[in-house]
Protein backbone atom coordinates (compact mmCIF):
# COMPACT_ATOMS: atom_id res chain seq x y z
CA LEU A 1 177.75 105.36 -24.26
CA ARG A 2 181.05 106.97 -23.25
CA VAL A 3 179.32 109.38 -20.86
CA ALA A 4 182.51 109.93 -18.88
CA GLU A 5 184.29 111.11 -22.03
CA LEU A 6 181.40 113.46 -22.84
CA VAL A 7 181.46 114.92 -19.33
CA GLY A 8 185.23 115.39 -19.59
CA ARG A 9 184.96 117.21 -22.92
CA VAL A 10 182.18 119.47 -21.64
CA ARG A 11 183.99 120.31 -18.42
CA GLY A 12 187.17 120.91 -20.42
CA GLY A 13 185.46 123.78 -22.21
CA GLU A 14 185.13 122.09 -25.58
CA ALA A 15 181.38 122.61 -25.88
CA LYS A 16 178.80 125.37 -25.49
CA GLU A 17 175.78 123.14 -26.02
CA VAL A 18 174.99 119.44 -25.86
CA VAL A 19 172.07 118.30 -28.01
CA LEU A 20 170.57 115.06 -26.79
CA ALA A 21 169.27 113.13 -29.81
CA LEU A 22 167.87 110.02 -28.22
CA PRO A 23 164.82 107.90 -29.05
CA ALA A 24 161.45 108.88 -27.58
CA THR A 25 161.33 105.70 -25.51
CA VAL A 26 161.54 105.11 -21.78
CA ASP A 27 165.16 104.03 -22.20
CA GLY A 28 165.98 107.09 -24.31
CA GLN A 29 164.37 109.48 -21.86
CA THR A 30 166.06 107.79 -18.91
CA THR A 31 169.43 108.09 -20.65
CA ALA A 32 168.78 111.77 -21.46
CA HIS A 33 167.89 112.46 -17.83
CA TYR A 34 171.04 110.67 -16.64
CA ILE A 35 173.29 112.62 -19.02
CA ALA A 36 171.62 115.92 -18.11
CA GLU A 37 172.19 115.19 -14.42
CA ARG A 38 175.85 114.38 -15.06
CA LEU A 39 176.29 117.67 -16.95
CA ALA A 40 174.37 119.79 -14.45
CA GLY A 41 176.41 122.72 -13.20
CA SER A 42 178.79 122.60 -16.17
CA GLY A 43 177.50 125.87 -17.59
CA VAL A 44 176.69 124.22 -20.91
CA GLU A 45 173.24 124.45 -22.44
CA ILE A 46 171.60 121.02 -22.57
CA THR A 47 168.87 120.66 -25.20
CA SER A 48 167.07 117.84 -26.95
CA LEU A 49 165.62 117.45 -30.39
CA ALA A 50 161.97 118.45 -30.71
CA ARG A 51 159.41 115.68 -30.75
CA GLY A 52 155.89 115.66 -32.00
CA VAL A 53 154.01 115.87 -35.26
CA PRO A 54 156.25 115.29 -38.28
CA VAL A 55 156.02 117.68 -41.22
CA GLY A 56 153.30 116.34 -43.47
CA GLY A 57 152.10 113.95 -40.77
CA GLU A 58 148.47 112.94 -40.61
CA LEU A 59 146.95 113.66 -37.20
CA ASP A 60 144.65 110.63 -37.52
CA TRP A 61 147.68 108.30 -37.35
CA LEU A 62 149.41 109.83 -34.31
CA ASP A 63 149.32 108.31 -30.85
CA ASP A 64 148.38 110.32 -27.75
CA GLY A 65 151.98 110.57 -26.55
CA THR A 66 153.15 112.17 -29.79
CA ILE A 67 150.32 114.69 -29.75
CA ILE A 68 151.04 115.55 -26.10
CA GLN A 69 154.73 116.13 -26.88
CA ALA A 70 153.82 118.30 -29.86
CA LEU A 71 151.50 120.41 -27.70
CA ARG A 72 154.13 120.82 -24.99
CA GLN A 73 156.71 122.00 -27.54
CA ARG A 74 154.44 124.31 -29.50
CA ARG A 75 155.60 127.80 -30.38
CA PRO A 76 153.99 130.95 -31.76
CA ALA A 77 153.13 130.80 -35.46
C-alpha cells in the first residue's frame, strides 16, 4: 500500500487533501481508518468518496448497508 510514502508526502507539504477511495468492505474501511490515523495531526483534510445509492439505482435492489450509508451522507436538495 505504500502508506509510509503517502505519510511522507503529506508531511512534506505536497498535499492539501487526501481522498480515500477504498472499497466499502470491512477490509477497505479498516484500511481507511488506519491511513486516517497515520495522517492525523498532519493538517491535511482527509475525505472519502461518498457511498450510497447510485444515480439511476433502483431502491428495491439495494441492501440495508447501502441505504444506511446513503442516509448518513444525505445533503440538502
